[in-house]
C-alpha atoms as a PDB file:
ATOM      1  CA  MET A   1       0.194   0.044  -0.049  1.00  0.00           C
ATOM      2  CA  ASP A   2       1.696   3.283  -1.113  1.00  0.00           C
ATOM      3  CA  GLY A   3       1.153   6.588   0.554  1.00  0.00           C
ATOM      4  CA  SER A   4      -1.668   7.756  -1.294  1.00  0.00           C
ATOM      5  CA  ASP A   5      -3.675   4.815  -0.669  1.00  0.00           C
ATOM      6  CA  ARG A   6      -3.078   4.988   3.050  1.00  0.00           C
ATOM      7  CA  LYS A   7      -3.995   8.932   3.128  1.00  0.00           C
ATOM      8  CA  ARG A   8      -7.141   8.168   1.077  1.00  0.00           C
ATOM      9  CA  ARG A   9      -8.278   5.259   3.416  1.00  0.00           C
ATOM     10  CA  ARG A  10      -7.521   7.501   6.547  1.00  0.00           C
ATOM     11  CA  SER A  11      -9.784  10.170   5.183  1.00  0.00           C
ATOM     12  CA  VAL A  12     -12.652   7.722   4.470  1.00  0.00           C
ATOM     13  CA  ILE A  13     -12.338   6.291   7.942  1.00  0.00           C
ATOM     14  CA  GLY A  14     -12.123   9.650   9.451  1.00  0.00           C
ATOM     15  CA  GLY A  15     -15.039  10.714   7.356  1.00  0.00           C
ATOM     16  CA  ILE A  16     -17.253   8.182   8.258  1.00  0.00           C
ATOM     17  CA  ILE A  17     -16.411   8.923  12.021  1.00  0.00           C
ATOM     18  CA  SER A  18     -17.047  12.486  11.445  1.00  0.00           C
ATOM     19  CA  LEU A  19     -20.380  11.570   9.756  1.00  0.00           C
ATOM     20  CA  VAL A  20     -21.319   9.346  12.654  1.00  0.00           C
ATOM     21  CA  ASP A  21     -20.780  12.334  14.986  1.00  0.00           C
ATOM     22  CA  PHE A  22     -22.741  14.436  12.746  1.00  0.00           C
ATOM     23  CA  VAL A  23     -25.708  12.252  12.434  1.00  0.00           C
ATOM     24  CA  SER A  24     -25.967  11.473  15.964  1.00  0.00           C
ATOM     25  CA  LYS A  25     -26.317  15.007  16.716  1.00  0.00           C
ATOM     26  CA  HIS A  26     -28.832  15.835  13.924  1.00  0.00           C
ATOM     27  CA  ASP A  27     -30.484  12.379  13.792  1.00  0.00           C
ATOM     28  CA  LYS A  28     -34.112  13.534  13.927  1.00  0.00           C
ATOM     29  CA  ALA A  29     -33.605  16.012  11.227  1.00  0.00           C
ATOM     30  CA  ILE A  30     -31.766  13.649   9.061  1.00  0.00           C
ATOM     31  CA  THR A  31     -34.372  10.863   9.581  1.00  0.00           C
ATOM     32  CA  PHE A  32     -37.056  13.347   8.593  1.00  0.00           C
ATOM     33  CA  ASP A  33     -35.440  14.423   5.398  1.00  0.00           C
ATOM     34  CA  LEU A  34     -34.633  10.757   4.519  1.00  0.00           C
ATOM     35  CA  LEU A  35     -38.111   9.742   4.985  1.00  0.00           C
ATOM     36  CA  THR A  36     -39.781  12.664   3.359  1.00  0.00           C
ATOM     37  CA  LYS A  37     -37.185  12.601   0.215  1.00  0.00           C
ATOM     38  CA  THR A  38     -36.419   8.853   0.093  1.00  0.00           C
ATOM     39  CA  ARG A  39     -37.436   5.490   0.930  1.00  0.00           C
ATOM     40  CA  PHE A  40     -34.679   5.043   3.660  1.00  0.00           C
ATOM     41  CA  THR A  41     -34.384   5.680   7.345  1.00  0.00           C
ATOM     42  CA  LEU A  42     -31.171   5.580   9.295  1.00  0.00           C
ATOM     43  CA  ASP A  43     -32.057   2.015  10.129  1.00  0.00           C
ATOM     44  CA  ASP A  44     -31.000   1.212   6.415  1.00  0.00           C
ATOM     45  CA  LEU A  45     -27.572   2.397   7.126  1.00  0.00           C
ATOM     46  CA  GLY A  46     -24.851  -0.250   6.250  1.00  0.00           C
ATOM     47  CA  GLY A  47     -27.322  -2.129   4.269  1.00  0.00           C
ATOM     48  CA  GLU A  48     -29.404  -0.597   1.664  1.00  0.00           C
ATOM     49  CA  LEU A  49     -28.212   2.925   2.291  1.00  0.00           C
ATOM     50  CA  SER A  50     -24.395   3.271   2.242  1.00  0.00           C
ATOM     51  CA  TRP A  51     -22.237   5.588   4.110  1.00  0.00           C
ATOM     52  CA  PHE A  52     -21.185   7.167   1.001  1.00  0.00           C
ATOM     53  CA  ALA A  53     -24.901   7.778  -0.130  1.00  0.00           C
ATOM     54  CA  LEU A  54     -25.959   9.235   3.215  1.00  0.00           C
ATOM     55  CA  SER A  55     -22.909  11.525   3.023  1.00  0.00           C
ATOM     56  CA  SER A  56     -23.822  12.546  -0.491  1.00  0.00           C
ATOM     57  CA  PHE A  57     -27.598  13.045   0.470  1.00  0.00           C
ATOM     58  CA  ILE A  58     -26.575  15.166   3.428  1.00  0.00           C
ATOM     59  CA  GLN A  59     -24.147  17.531   1.300  1.00  0.00           C
ATOM     60  CA  ASN A  60     -26.711  17.962  -1.234  1.00  0.00           C
ATOM     61  CA  LEU A  61     -29.745  18.828   1.107  1.00  0.00           C
ATOM     62  CA  GLY A  62     -31.445  21.995  -0.077  1.00  0.00           C
ATOM     63  CA  THR A  63     -32.051  25.161   2.469  1.00  0.00           C
ATOM     64  CA  ASP A  64     -35.578  24.244   2.956  1.00  0.00           C
ATOM     65  CA  SER A  65     -34.651  20.939   4.760  1.00  0.00           C
ATOM     66  CA  ALA A  66     -35.209  20.036   8.039  1.00  0.00           C
ATOM     67  CA  LEU A  67     -31.242  19.635   8.637  1.00  0.00           C
ATOM     68  CA  ALA A  68     -31.069  23.190   7.346  1.00  0.00           C
ATOM     69  CA  ARG A  69     -33.340  24.173   9.872  1.00  0.00           C
ATOM     70  CA  ASP A  70     -31.794  22.161  12.587  1.00  0.00           C
ATOM     71  CA  LEU A  71     -28.310  23.923  11.986  1.00  0.00           C
ATOM     72  CA  LYS A  72     -30.269  27.250  12.063  1.00  0.00           C
ATOM     73  CA  LYS A  73     -29.140  28.086   8.403  1.00  0.00           C
ATOM     74  CA  SER A  74     -32.784  29.124   7.133  1.00  0.00           C
ATOM     75  CA  THR A  75     -32.773  32.463   5.946  1.00  0.00           C
ATOM     76  CA  GLY A  76     -36.787  32.768   5.425  1.00  0.00           C
ATOM     77  CA  TRP A  77     -36.528  32.879   1.789  1.00  0.00           C
ATOM     78  CA  GLU A  78     -36.513  29.285   0.848  1.00  0.00           C
ATOM     79  CA  ASN A  79     -40.150  29.120   1.711  1.00  0.00           C
ATOM     80  CA  THR A  80     -42.064  29.049  -1.704  1.00  0.00           C
ATOM     81  CA  ILE A  81     -45.311  29.314   0.027  1.00  0.00           C
ATOM     82  CA  GLN A  82     -44.171  32.648   1.762  1.00  0.00           C
ATOM     83  CA  SER A  83     -42.870  34.110  -1.497  1.00  0.00           C
ATOM     84  CA  ASN A  84     -46.027  33.122  -3.504  1.00  0.00           C
ATOM     85  CA  VAL A  85     -48.257  34.770  -1.093  1.00  0.00           C
ATOM     86  CA  ILE A  86     -45.741  38.071  -1.558  1.00  0.00           C
ATOM     87  CA  LEU A  87     -46.013  37.786  -5.254  1.00  0.00           C
ATOM     88  CA  ALA A  88     -49.994  37.587  -5.121  1.00  0.00           C
ATOM     89  CA  ASP A  89     -49.787  40.724  -3.055  1.00  0.00           C
ATOM     90  CA  ILE A  90     -47.639  42.605  -5.367  1.00  0.00           C
ATOM     91  CA  TYR A  91     -49.889  41.431  -8.237  1.00  0.00           C
ATOM     92  CA  ASP A  92     -53.011  42.700  -6.392  1.00  0.00           C
ATOM     93  CA  LEU A  93     -51.358  46.120  -5.862  1.00  0.00           C
ATOM     94  CA  LEU A  94     -50.330  46.525  -9.247  1.00  0.00           C
ATOM     95  CA  GLN A  95     -53.788  45.760 -10.586  1.00  0.00           C
ATOM     96  CA  ALA A  96     -55.334  48.292  -7.941  1.00  0.00           C
ATOM     97  CA  ILE A  97     -52.773  50.949  -9.187  1.00  0.00           C
ATOM     98  CA  ASN A  98     -53.486  50.151 -12.927  1.00  0.00           C
ATOM     99  CA  ILE A  99     -56.976  50.366 -12.548  1.00  0.00           C
ATOM    100  CA  ASN A 100     -56.682  53.721 -10.475  1.00  0.00           C
ATOM    101  CA  LEU A 101     -54.544  55.171 -13.243  1.00  0.00           C
ATOM    102  CA  MET A 102     -57.273  54.183 -16.071  1.00  0.00           C
ATOM    103  CA  ARG A 103     -60.124  55.987 -13.769  1.00  0.00           C
ATOM    104  CA  LEU A 104     -57.637  59.057 -13.598  1.00  0.00           C
ATOM    105  CA  GLY A 105     -57.947  59.153 -17.442  1.00  0.00           C
ATOM    106  CA  GLY A 106     -61.548  59.060 -17.452  1.00  0.00           C
ATOM    107  CA  GLY A 107     -62.367  55.411 -17.929  1.00  0.00           C
ATOM    108  CA  LYS A 108     -64.793  53.307 -15.800  1.00  0.00           C
ATOM    109  CA  HIS A 109     -63.233  50.042 -14.604  1.00  0.00           C
ATOM    110  CA  LYS A 110     -64.747  47.354 -12.282  1.00  0.00           C
ATOM    111  CA  LYS A 111     -63.087  46.694  -8.946  1.00  0.00           C
ATOM    112  CA  ALA A 112     -59.851  44.921  -9.024  1.00  0.00           C
ATOM    113  CA  LYS A 113     -60.006  41.159  -8.475  1.00  0.00           C
ATOM    114  CA  PRO A 114     -57.496  39.897  -6.107  1.00  0.00           C
ATOM    115  CA  TYR A 115     -55.189  37.132  -7.297  1.00  0.00           C
ATOM    116  CA  PRO A 116     -56.650  33.681  -6.308  1.00  0.00           C
ATOM    117  CA  ARG A 117     -55.312  32.127  -3.224  1.00  0.00           C
ATOM    118  CA  PRO A 118     -55.820  28.405  -2.382  1.00  0.00           C
ATOM    119  CA  PHE A 119     -56.463  29.503   1.458  1.00  0.00           C
ATOM    120  CA  GLY A 120     -58.758  32.623   0.569  1.00  0.00           C
ATOM    121  CA  LYS A 121     -62.214  32.745   1.799  1.00  0.00           C
ATOM    122  CA  GLY A 122     -65.090  31.970  -0.490  1.00  0.00           C
ATOM    123  CA  ASP A 123     -63.007  30.627  -3.276  1.00  0.00           C
ATOM    124  CA  ASP A 124     -63.602  27.216  -4.959  1.00  0.00           C
ATOM    125  CA  THR A 125     -60.463  25.650  -3.379  1.00  0.00           C
ATOM    126  CA  THR A 126     -61.542  26.233   0.142  1.00  0.00           C
ATOM    127  CA  LYS A 127     -63.234  22.922   1.442  1.00  0.00           C
ATOM    128  CA  LYS A 128     -65.952  23.404   3.929  1.00  0.00           C
ATOM    129  CA  ILE A 129     -66.565  20.493   6.184  1.00  0.00           C
ATOM    130  CA  GLY A 130     -69.901  20.278   7.798  1.00  0.00           C
ATOM    131  CA  LYS A 131     -72.713  23.028   7.846  1.00  0.00           C
ATOM    132  CA  ASP A 132     -72.807  25.187  10.711  1.00  0.00           C
ATOM    133  CA  PRO A 133     -71.063  25.563  13.868  1.00  0.00           C
ATOM    134  CA  LEU A 134     -72.334  23.068  16.549  1.00  0.00           C
ATOM    135  CA  PRO A 135     -74.425  24.792  19.510  1.00  0.00           C
ATOM    136  CA  PHE A 136     -72.354  24.739  22.799  1.00  0.00           C
ATOM    137  CA  ASN A 137     -75.224  22.727  24.656  1.00  0.00           C
ATOM    138  CA  GLN A 138     -74.944  20.036  21.748  1.00  0.00           C
ATOM    139  CA  LEU A 139     -71.087  19.996  21.904  1.00  0.00           C
ATOM    140  CA  LYS A 140     -71.346  19.264  25.643  1.00  0.00           C
ATOM    141  CA  GLU A 141     -73.661  16.367  25.079  1.00  0.00           C
ATOM    142  CA  TRP A 142     -71.630  15.162  22.012  1.00  0.00           C
ATOM    143  CA  ILE A 143     -68.272  15.222  24.212  1.00  0.00           C
ATOM    144  CA  LYS A 144     -70.123  13.427  27.232  1.00  0.00           C
ATOM    145  CA  ARG A 145     -71.374  10.374  24.757  1.00  0.00           C
ATOM    146  CA  LYS A 146     -67.877  10.124  23.436  1.00  0.00           C
ATOM    147  CA  GLN A 147     -66.442   9.967  26.948  1.00  0.00           C
ATOM    148  CA  ASP A 148     -69.088   7.313  28.301  1.00  0.00           C
ATOM    149  CA  ASN A 149     -68.485   5.182  24.857  1.00  0.00           C
ATOM    150  CA  GLY A 150     -64.703   5.267  25.748  1.00  0.00           C
ATOM    151  CA  LYS A 151     -65.249   4.211  29.299  1.00  0.00           C
ATOM    152  CA  ARG A 152     -67.227   1.267  28.268  1.00  0.00           C
ATOM    153  CA  ASN A 153     -64.459  -0.002  25.915  1.00  0.00           C
END
């Protein structure tokens, strides 16, 4: 074995030891990322999931990963939901400005329609469950029935 082989072997061994330490410190976040992005868990290490594959997976995780949040590297800009809301707000403002400018020119225009949001009120994407709120007395009776059923089992 020449010097370069020994050096490479030592870095691999040190790399695995460092990886074991890193994984043990961030095991919950890494497990979450593995489960949500692959079919593996940390239990698969040494079997179907090699140490090299785990190392590569960790090195290529995005800033929106649980590991990045665990390492406190989150900047707040990686969340696409947040940026989509901001873009929808900008769209609404630009549309309102455009309509106001047209009105200044003497034209009549309808009120600006807001950009559709999946969480907005009254739109088709909002799923309503049930009819009306349950009156408090009926809610108390329902809870009591559920508790009584649980005691019988």
